[in-house]
Amino acid sequence: MAANLLTIEGLRAGVAGKEILKGLNLTINEGEVHVLLGPNGSGKSTLMNLIMGHPKYTRLAGKMSFDGEDLTALPTFERARRGIFLSFQTPEEIPGITVENMLRTAKQAITGQKVKILAFKKQLAAAMAKLSMDESYAERYMNVGFSGGEKKRNEILQLLLLEPKLALLDETDSGLDVDAVQIVSRGVSAFHNETNACLIITHNARILSELKVDCVHVLMDGQIIEEGGAELIDEINRHGFTHLLDGAANK
């Protein structure tokens, strides 16, 4: 039986005094891929940021645990050390720090061990090849001058090198052309195995093409109103979210 990674119970949370999540429950086990769908403003990114510990968002009630440990008191960097990774919708540019140096430093911070430079360079080159990234990008400042697609590939590069237990992918596929989405999808597939898990927000099912989806959750108005398998994605693509909300109201 797969071990539990993330458990959320009765989560109520908000930002700037406005409640956004209104009693959310979610369980993710090792080896699973979960997809979070919902219209804009439903609370999807709020949930991701709360799991990661963004100080802007306030937990009002409920519990969150990761790998058997209470998350609520842990700062963001401690959650990252324990194996939680968040890929941003709009990755930040960091002048003065190269991609290679940032990744090597992050790897050392997570593992607590000195990273051997030659071995790391070999691992980095292999990961960049999987994402069709030119190796010269390793010497460029983090995301500075990168196109939108290059920034998103760089996010997946971090995922492959840092090897977290739980990957939170917040619309990593947004703004990408078909070819770039396929490359990102292959990168996520290369990361995923039976000991880690993914929680993916997407409006484009193409990023899921290389993955086996275990559960789809539909979030509306701060609550999960429907859950199912991958077939739920097709249903929403055909009919939209409104009919699900109508169905929930009639239950």
C-alpha atoms as a PDB file:
ATOM      1  CA  MET A   1       0.000   0.000   0.000  1.00  0.00           C
ATOM      2  CA  ALA A   2       1.360   3.421  -0.991  1.00  0.00           C
ATOM      3  CA  ALA A   3       2.411   5.699   1.843  1.00  0.00           C
ATOM      4  CA  ASN A   4       0.557   8.934   2.425  1.00  0.00           C
ATOM      5  CA  LEU A   5       2.385  12.132   1.455  1.00  0.00           C
ATOM      6  CA  LEU A   6      -0.071  15.017   1.831  1.00  0.00           C
ATOM      7  CA  THR A   7      -3.216  15.206   3.937  1.00  0.00           C
ATOM      8  CA  ILE A   8      -5.410  18.302   4.141  1.00  0.00           C
ATOM      9  CA  GLU A   9      -8.438  18.342   6.423  1.00  0.00           C
ATOM     10  CA  GLY A  10     -11.046  21.088   6.736  1.00  0.00           C
ATOM     11  CA  LEU A  11      -8.758  23.778   5.319  1.00  0.00           C
ATOM     12  CA  ARG A  12     -10.159  27.289   5.466  1.00  0.00           C
ATOM     13  CA  ALA A  13      -7.857  30.052   4.287  1.00  0.00           C
ATOM     14  CA  GLY A  14      -7.714  33.420   2.623  1.00  0.00           C
ATOM     15  CA  VAL A  15      -5.786  36.537   1.755  1.00  0.00           C
ATOM     16  CA  ALA A  16      -6.175  40.194   2.817  1.00  0.00           C
ATOM     17  CA  GLY A  17      -9.134  39.334   5.030  1.00  0.00           C
ATOM     18  CA  LYS A  18     -11.068  37.486   2.306  1.00  0.00           C
ATOM     19  CA  GLU A  19     -11.834  33.810   2.803  1.00  0.00           C
ATOM     20  CA  ILE A  20     -11.048  31.820  -0.350  1.00  0.00           C
ATOM     21  CA  LEU A  21     -10.842  28.157   0.720  1.00  0.00           C
ATOM     22  CA  LYS A  22     -13.912  27.050   2.644  1.00  0.00           C
ATOM     23  CA  GLY A  23     -13.321  23.636   4.171  1.00  0.00           C
ATOM     24  CA  LEU A  24     -11.144  21.741   1.725  1.00  0.00           C
ATOM     25  CA  ASN A  25     -10.092  18.102   2.117  1.00  0.00           C
ATOM     26  CA  LEU A  26      -7.412  16.414   0.015  1.00  0.00           C
ATOM     27  CA  THR A  27      -5.237  13.299   0.303  1.00  0.00           C
ATOM     28  CA  ILE A  28      -2.286  12.472  -1.967  1.00  0.00           C
ATOM     29  CA  ASN A  29      -0.266   9.262  -1.710  1.00  0.00           C
ATOM     30  CA  GLU A  30       3.113   8.259  -3.100  1.00  0.00           C
ATOM     31  CA  GLY A  31       3.079   7.406  -6.793  1.00  0.00           C
ATOM     32  CA  GLU A  32      -0.064   9.395  -7.558  1.00  0.00           C
ATOM     33  CA  VAL A  33      -0.819  12.149 -10.062  1.00  0.00           C
ATOM     34  CA  HIS A  34      -3.644  14.481  -9.072  1.00  0.00           C
ATOM     35  CA  VAL A  35      -5.138  17.193 -11.277  1.00  0.00           C
ATOM     36  CA  LEU A  36      -6.868  20.282  -9.896  1.00  0.00           C
ATOM     37  CA  LEU A  37      -9.384  21.962 -12.192  1.00  0.00           C
ATOM     38  CA  GLY A  38     -11.654  24.934 -11.708  1.00  0.00           C
ATOM     39  CA  PRO A  39     -12.550  28.348 -13.098  1.00  0.00           C
ATOM     40  CA  ASN A  40     -10.404  31.396 -12.409  1.00  0.00           C
ATOM     41  CA  GLY A  41     -10.780  32.632  -8.844  1.00  0.00           C
ATOM     42  CA  SER A  42     -11.887  29.279  -7.444  1.00  0.00           C
ATOM     43  CA  GLY A  43      -8.877  28.982  -5.105  1.00  0.00           C
ATOM     44  CA  LYS A  44      -6.498  26.691  -7.002  1.00  0.00           C
ATOM     45  CA  SER A  45      -3.382  28.863  -6.725  1.00  0.00           C
ATOM     46  CA  THR A  46      -4.315  29.792  -3.163  1.00  0.00           C
ATOM     47  CA  LEU A  47      -4.187  26.106  -2.251  1.00  0.00           C
ATOM     48  CA  MET A  48      -0.779  25.658  -3.881  1.00  0.00           C
ATOM     49  CA  ASN A  49       0.640  28.689  -2.075  1.00  0.00           C
ATOM     50  CA  LEU A  50      -0.734  27.535   1.270  1.00  0.00           C
ATOM     51  CA  ILE A  51       0.849  24.104   0.887  1.00  0.00           C
ATOM     52  CA  MET A  52       4.153  25.843   0.112  1.00  0.00           C
ATOM     53  CA  GLY A  53       3.801  28.258   3.034  1.00  0.00           C
ATOM     54  CA  HIS A  54       3.530  31.615   1.234  1.00  0.00           C
ATOM     55  CA  PRO A  55       3.283  34.240   4.011  1.00  0.00           C
ATOM     56  CA  LYS A  56       0.710  36.287   2.069  1.00  0.00           C
ATOM     57  CA  TYR A  57      -1.931  33.594   2.623  1.00  0.00           C
ATOM     58  CA  THR A  58      -3.521  32.954   5.995  1.00  0.00           C
ATOM     59  CA  ARG A  59      -4.787  29.607   7.261  1.00  0.00           C
ATOM     60  CA  LEU A  60      -7.994  30.205   9.212  1.00  0.00           C
ATOM     61  CA  ALA A  61      -8.771  26.620  10.207  1.00  0.00           C
ATOM     62  CA  GLY A  62      -7.954  23.028   9.348  1.00  0.00           C
ATOM     63  CA  LYS A  63      -4.857  20.834   9.224  1.00  0.00           C
ATOM     64  CA  MET A  64      -2.112  20.126   6.695  1.00  0.00           C
ATOM     65  CA  SER A  65       0.435  17.340   7.123  1.00  0.00           C
ATOM     66  CA  PHE A  66       3.221  16.165   4.829  1.00  0.00           C
ATOM     67  CA  ASP A  67       4.954  12.812   5.165  1.00  0.00           C
ATOM     68  CA  GLY A  68       3.395  12.456   8.624  1.00  0.00           C
ATOM     69  CA  GLU A  69       4.551  15.886   9.870  1.00  0.00           C
ATOM     70  CA  ASP A  70       2.373  18.905  10.663  1.00  0.00           C
ATOM     71  CA  LEU A  71       3.076  21.575   8.051  1.00  0.00           C
ATOM     72  CA  THR A  72       1.338  24.546   9.579  1.00  0.00           C
ATOM     73  CA  ALA A  73       4.232  25.871  11.674  1.00  0.00           C
ATOM     74  CA  LEU A  74       6.961  25.283   9.087  1.00  0.00           C
ATOM     75  CA  PRO A  75       8.350  28.200   7.037  1.00  0.00           C
ATOM     76  CA  THR A  76       8.596  27.862   3.267  1.00  0.00           C
ATOM     77  CA  PHE A  77      12.272  26.890   3.163  1.00  0.00           C
ATOM     78  CA  GLU A  78      11.681  24.028   5.615  1.00  0.00           C
ATOM     79  CA  ARG A  79       8.821  22.720   3.496  1.00  0.00           C
ATOM     80  CA  ALA A  80      11.146  22.787   0.486  1.00  0.00           C
ATOM     81  CA  ARG A  81      13.802  20.895   2.441  1.00  0.00           C
ATOM     82  CA  ARG A  82      11.268  18.236   3.299  1.00  0.00           C
ATOM     83  CA  GLY A  83      10.497  17.694  -0.363  1.00  0.00           C
ATOM     84  CA  ILE A  84       7.774  20.073  -1.548  1.00  0.00           C
ATOM     85  CA  PHE A  85       8.367  21.887  -4.842  1.00  0.00           C
ATOM     86  CA  LEU A  86       6.235  24.620  -6.411  1.00  0.00           C
ATOM     87  CA  SER A  87       6.503  25.514 -10.090  1.00  0.00           C
ATOM     88  CA  PHE A  88       5.242  29.055 -10.607  1.00  0.00           C
ATOM     89  CA  GLN A  89       2.872  30.405 -13.254  1.00  0.00           C
ATOM     90  CA  THR A  90       5.310  33.276 -13.826  1.00  0.00           C
ATOM     91  CA  PRO A  91       8.873  32.290 -12.804  1.00  0.00           C
ATOM     92  CA  GLU A  92      10.998  35.082 -11.343  1.00  0.00           C
ATOM     93  CA  GLU A  93      14.191  36.431 -12.883  1.00  0.00           C
ATOM     94  CA  ILE A  94      17.240  36.403 -10.572  1.00  0.00           C
ATOM     95  CA  PRO A  95      20.098  38.560 -11.913  1.00  0.00           C
ATOM     96  CA  GLY A  96      23.615  37.670 -10.767  1.00  0.00           C
ATOM     97  CA  ILE A  97      22.962  33.978 -10.062  1.00  0.00           C
ATOM     98  CA  THR A  98      23.466  31.420 -12.820  1.00  0.00           C
ATOM     99  CA  VAL A  99      21.114  28.515 -13.353  1.00  0.00           C
ATOM    100  CA  GLU A 100      23.861  26.045 -12.451  1.00  0.00           C
ATOM    101  CA  ASN A 101      24.878  27.843  -9.250  1.00  0.00           C
ATOM    102  CA  MET A 102      21.302  28.242  -8.102  1.00  0.00           C
ATOM    103  CA  LEU A 103      20.517  24.577  -8.654  1.00  0.00           C
ATOM    104  CA  ARG A 104      23.728  23.346  -7.036  1.00  0.00           C
ATOM    105  CA  THR A 105      23.178  25.580  -3.998  1.00  0.00           C
ATOM    106  CA  ALA A 106      19.561  24.466  -3.689  1.00  0.00           C
ATOM    107  CA  LYS A 107      20.596  20.817  -3.950  1.00  0.00           C
ATOM    108  CA  GLN A 108      23.126  21.252  -1.135  1.00  0.00           C
ATOM    109  CA  ALA A 109      20.558  23.053   1.042  1.00  0.00           C
ATOM    110  CA  ILE A 110      18.025  20.250   0.589  1.00  0.00           C
ATOM    111  CA  THR A 111      20.368  17.293   1.048  1.00  0.00           C
ATOM    112  CA  GLY A 112      22.674  18.896   3.628  1.00  0.00           C
ATOM    113  CA  GLN A 113      25.615  17.415   1.734  1.00  0.00           C
ATOM    114  CA  LYS A 114      28.289  18.986  -0.448  1.00  0.00           C
ATOM    115  CA  VAL A 115      27.545  18.471  -4.129  1.00  0.00           C
ATOM    116  CA  LYS A 116      30.463  17.254  -6.244  1.00  0.00           C
ATOM    117  CA  ILE A 117      30.808  19.703  -9.122  1.00  0.00           C
ATOM    118  CA  LEU A 118      31.732  17.301 -11.942  1.00  0.00           C
ATOM    119  CA  ALA A 119      29.029  14.787 -11.067  1.00  0.00           C
ATOM    120  CA  PHE A 120      26.478  17.581 -10.791  1.00  0.00           C
ATOM    121  CA  LYS A 121      27.463  19.050 -14.163  1.00  0.00           C
ATOM    122  CA  LYS A 122      26.935  15.631 -15.756  1.00  0.00           C
ATOM    123  CA  GLN A 123      23.514  15.277 -14.119  1.00  0.00           C
ATOM    124  CA  LEU A 124      22.572  18.813 -15.169  1.00  0.00           C
ATOM    125  CA  ALA A 125      23.577  18.207 -18.784  1.00  0.00           C
ATOM    126  CA  ALA A 126      21.520  15.003 -18.918  1.00  0.00           C
ATOM    127  CA  ALA A 127      18.454  16.756 -17.516  1.00  0.00           C
ATOM    128  CA  MET A 128      18.825  19.664 -19.957  1.00  0.00           C
ATOM    129  CA  ALA A 129      19.028  17.196 -22.848  1.00  0.00           C
ATOM    130  CA  LYS A 130      15.688  15.674 -21.786  1.00  0.00           C
ATOM    131  CA  LEU A 131      14.143  19.145 -22.011  1.00  0.00           C
ATOM    132  CA  SER A 132      15.845  20.075 -25.307  1.00  0.00           C
ATOM    133  CA  MET A 133      17.681  22.925 -23.536  1.00  0.00           C
ATOM    134  CA  ASP A 134      21.018  24.185 -24.799  1.00  0.00           C
ATOM    135  CA  GLU A 135      23.715  23.582 -22.167  1.00  0.00           C
ATOM    136  CA  SER A 136      24.790  27.233 -22.442  1.00  0.00           C
ATOM    137  CA  TYR A 137      21.669  28.183 -20.462  1.00  0.00           C
ATOM    138  CA  ALA A 138      23.314  26.718 -17.362  1.00  0.00           C
ATOM    139  CA  GLU A 139      25.755  29.686 -17.372  1.00  0.00           C
ATOM    140  CA  ARG A 140      23.072  32.329 -17.847  1.00  0.00           C
ATOM    141  CA  TYR A 141      21.514  34.243 -14.984  1.00  0.00           C
ATOM    142  CA  MET A 142      18.385  32.608 -13.639  1.00  0.00           C
ATOM    143  CA  ASN A 143      15.551  33.266 -16.131  1.00  0.00           C
ATOM    144  CA  VAL A 144      17.043  36.627 -17.174  1.00  0.00           C
ATOM    145  CA  GLY A 145      16.253  37.166 -20.851  1.00  0.00           C
ATOM    146  CA  PHE A 146      14.535  33.771 -21.071  1.00  0.00           C
ATOM    147  CA  SER A 147      11.369  33.489 -23.148  1.00  0.00           C
ATOM    148  CA  GLY A 148       8.196  32.309 -21.444  1.00  0.00           C
ATOM    149  CA  GLY A 149       8.730  28.779 -22.725  1.00  0.00           C
ATOM    150  CA  GLU A 150      12.363  28.747 -21.631  1.00  0.00           C
ATOM    151  CA  LYS A 151      11.367  29.825 -18.127  1.00  0.00           C
ATOM    152  CA  LYS A 152       8.854  26.983 -17.914  1.00  0.00           C
ATOM    153  CA  ARG A 153      11.417  24.434 -19.094  1.00  0.00           C
ATOM    154  CA  ASN A 154      13.793  25.826 -16.485  1.00  0.00           C
ATOM    155  CA  GLU A 155      11.151  25.144 -13.831  1.00  0.00           C
ATOM    156  CA  ILE A 156      10.982  21.497 -14.896  1.00  0.00           C
ATOM    157  CA  LEU A 157      14.796  21.395 -14.968  1.00  0.00           C
ATOM    158  CA  GLN A 158      14.722  22.361 -11.283  1.00  0.00           C
ATOM    159  CA  LEU A 159      12.185  19.619 -10.659  1.00  0.00           C
ATOM    160  CA  LEU A 160      14.430  16.986 -12.246  1.00  0.00           C
ATOM    161  CA  LEU A 161      17.557  18.111 -10.382  1.00  0.00           C
ATOM    162  CA  LEU A 162      16.039  18.711  -6.933  1.00  0.00           C
ATOM    163  CA  GLU A 163      13.960  15.491  -6.933  1.00  0.00           C
ATOM    164  CA  PRO A 164      11.224  16.532  -4.473  1.00  0.00           C
ATOM    165  CA  LYS A 165       8.670  14.161  -2.987  1.00  0.00           C
ATOM    166  CA  LEU A 166       5.718  16.332  -4.038  1.00  0.00           C
ATOM    167  CA  ALA A 167       5.626  18.523  -7.154  1.00  0.00           C
ATOM    168  CA  LEU A 168       3.047  21.316  -7.219  1.00  0.00           C
ATOM    169  CA  LEU A 169       2.706  22.488 -10.830  1.00  0.00           C
ATOM    170  CA  ASP A 170       0.646  25.671 -11.099  1.00  0.00           C
ATOM    171  CA  GLU A 171      -0.251  26.099 -14.784  1.00  0.00           C
ATOM    172  CA  THR A 172       3.286  25.265 -15.852  1.00  0.00           C
ATOM    173  CA  ASP A 173       1.897  24.732 -19.363  1.00  0.00           C
ATOM    174  CA  SER A 174       0.287  28.178 -19.703  1.00  0.00           C
ATOM    175  CA  GLY A 175       1.444  30.198 -22.687  1.00  0.00           C
ATOM    176  CA  LEU A 176       3.371  27.313 -24.251  1.00  0.00           C
ATOM    177  CA  ASP A 177       3.047  26.134 -27.841  1.00  0.00           C
ATOM    178  CA  VAL A 178       2.232  22.505 -28.630  1.00  0.00           C
ATOM    179  CA  ASP A 179       5.852  21.387 -28.953  1.00  0.00           C
ATOM    180  CA  ALA A 180       6.899  23.058 -25.691  1.00  0.00           C
ATOM    181  CA  VAL A 181       3.969  21.493 -23.823  1.00  0.00           C
ATOM    182  CA  GLN A 182       5.051  18.050 -25.029  1.00  0.00           C
ATOM    183  CA  ILE A 183       8.619  18.656 -23.843  1.00  0.00           C
ATOM    184  CA  VAL A 184       7.385  19.814 -20.433  1.00  0.00           C
ATOM    185  CA  SER A 185       5.059  16.811 -20.236  1.00  0.00           C
ATOM    186  CA  ARG A 186       7.954  14.436 -20.944  1.00  0.00           C
ATOM    187  CA  GLY A 187      10.000  16.196 -18.272  1.00  0.00           C
ATOM    188  CA  VAL A 188       7.273  15.749 -15.654  1.00  0.00           C
ATOM    189  CA  SER A 189       6.951  12.106 -16.690  1.00  0.00           C
ATOM    190  CA  ALA A 190      10.718  11.637 -16.282  1.00  0.00           C
ATOM    191  CA  PHE A 191      10.438  13.030 -12.756  1.00  0.00           C
ATOM    192  CA  HIS A 192       7.427  11.029 -11.616  1.00  0.00           C
ATOM    193  CA  ASN A 193       7.890   7.624 -10.010  1.00  0.00           C
ATOM    194  CA  GLU A 194       6.307   5.361  -7.391  1.00  0.00           C
ATOM    195  CA  THR A 195       7.850   7.242  -4.446  1.00  0.00           C
ATOM    196  CA  ASN A 196       6.810  10.801  -5.335  1.00  0.00           C
ATOM    197  CA  ALA A 197       3.612  12.550  -6.393  1.00  0.00           C
ATOM    198  CA  CYS A 198       2.291  15.444  -8.490  1.00  0.00           C
ATOM    199  CA  LEU A 199      -0.529  17.932  -7.990  1.00  0.00           C
ATOM    200  CA  ILE A 200      -1.136  19.745 -11.277  1.00  0.00           C
ATOM    201  CA  ILE A 201      -3.263  22.790 -12.082  1.00  0.00           C
ATOM    202  CA  THR A 202      -3.927  23.014 -15.799  1.00  0.00           C
ATOM    203  CA  HIS A 203      -6.364  24.354 -18.364  1.00  0.00           C
ATOM    204  CA  ASN A 204      -4.729  22.274 -21.075  1.00  0.00           C
ATOM    205  CA  ALA A 205      -4.857  18.487 -20.838  1.00  0.00           C
ATOM    206  CA  ARG A 206      -1.903  18.112 -23.224  1.00  0.00           C
ATOM    207  CA  ILE A 207       0.553  18.399 -20.320  1.00  0.00           C
ATOM    208  CA  LEU A 208      -0.984  15.176 -18.985  1.00  0.00           C
ATOM    209  CA  SER A 209      -0.308  13.201 -22.176  1.00  0.00           C
ATOM    210  CA  GLU A 210       2.741  11.405 -20.737  1.00  0.00           C
ATOM    211  CA  LEU A 211       1.184  10.795 -17.303  1.00  0.00           C
ATOM    212  CA  LYS A 212      -1.330   8.403 -15.782  1.00  0.00           C
ATOM    213  CA  VAL A 213      -3.822  10.550 -13.864  1.00  0.00           C
ATOM    214  CA  ASP A 214      -5.080   8.960 -10.644  1.00  0.00           C
ATOM    215  CA  CYS A 215      -7.583  11.568  -9.494  1.00  0.00           C
ATOM    216  CA  VAL A 216      -9.164  14.776 -10.780  1.00  0.00           C
ATOM    217  CA  HIS A 217     -10.559  17.329  -8.329  1.00  0.00           C
ATOM    218  CA  VAL A 218     -12.861  20.170  -9.377  1.00  0.00           C
ATOM    219  CA  LEU A 219     -12.540  23.242  -7.155  1.00  0.00           C
ATOM    220  CA  MET A 220     -15.232  25.901  -7.219  1.00  0.00           C
ATOM    221  CA  ASP A 221     -15.853  28.704  -4.754  1.00  0.00           C
ATOM    222  CA  GLY A 222     -13.220  27.351  -2.380  1.00  0.00           C
ATOM    223  CA  GLN A 223     -14.542  23.800  -2.161  1.00  0.00           C
ATOM    224  CA  ILE A 224     -13.976  20.552  -4.044  1.00  0.00           C
ATOM    225  CA  ILE A 225     -17.379  19.839  -5.589  1.00  0.00           C
ATOM    226  CA  GLU A 226     -16.511  16.834  -7.751  1.00  0.00           C
ATOM    227  CA  GLU A 227     -13.852  14.134  -7.932  1.00  0.00           C
ATOM    228  CA  GLY A 228     -13.178  11.403 -10.432  1.00  0.00           C
ATOM    229  CA  GLY A 229     -10.728   9.853 -12.841  1.00  0.00           C
ATOM    230  CA  ALA A 230      -9.214  11.208 -16.044  1.00  0.00           C
ATOM    231  CA  GLU A 231     -12.591  10.932 -17.752  1.00  0.00           C
ATOM    232  CA  LEU A 232     -13.727  13.944 -15.710  1.00  0.00           C
ATOM    233  CA  ILE A 233     -11.309  16.128 -17.718  1.00  0.00           C
ATOM    234  CA  ASP A 234     -13.047  15.115 -20.961  1.00  0.00           C
ATOM    235  CA  GLU A 235     -16.439  15.797 -19.420  1.00  0.00           C
ATOM    236  CA  ILE A 236     -15.418  19.320 -18.404  1.00  0.00           C
ATOM    237  CA  ASN A 237     -13.882  19.986 -21.811  1.00  0.00           C
ATOM    238  CA  ARG A 238     -17.236  19.090 -23.389  1.00  0.00           C
ATOM    239  CA  HIS A 239     -19.642  20.737 -20.961  1.00  0.00           C
ATOM    240  CA  GLY A 240     -17.675  23.231 -18.854  1.00  0.00           C
ATOM    241  CA  PHE A 241     -17.912  23.695 -15.092  1.00  0.00           C
ATOM    242  CA  THR A 242     -21.459  25.068 -14.772  1.00  0.00           C
ATOM    243  CA  HIS A 243     -23.248  21.732 -15.024  1.00  0.00           C
ATOM    244  CA  LEU A 244     -21.070  20.341 -12.202  1.00  0.00           C
ATOM    245  CA  LEU A 245     -22.016  23.258  -9.971  1.00  0.00           C
ATOM    246  CA  ASP A 246     -25.688  22.706 -10.794  1.00  0.00           C
ATOM    247  CA  GLY A 247     -25.309  19.024  -9.963  1.00  0.00           C
ATOM    248  CA  ALA A 248     -23.627  19.780  -6.640  1.00  0.00           C
ATOM    249  CA  ALA A 249     -26.449  22.154  -5.716  1.00  0.00           C
ATOM    250  CA  ASN A 250     -29.015  19.410  -6.350  1.00  0.00           C
ATOM    251  CA  LYS A 251     -27.254  16.774  -4.211  1.00  0.00           C
END
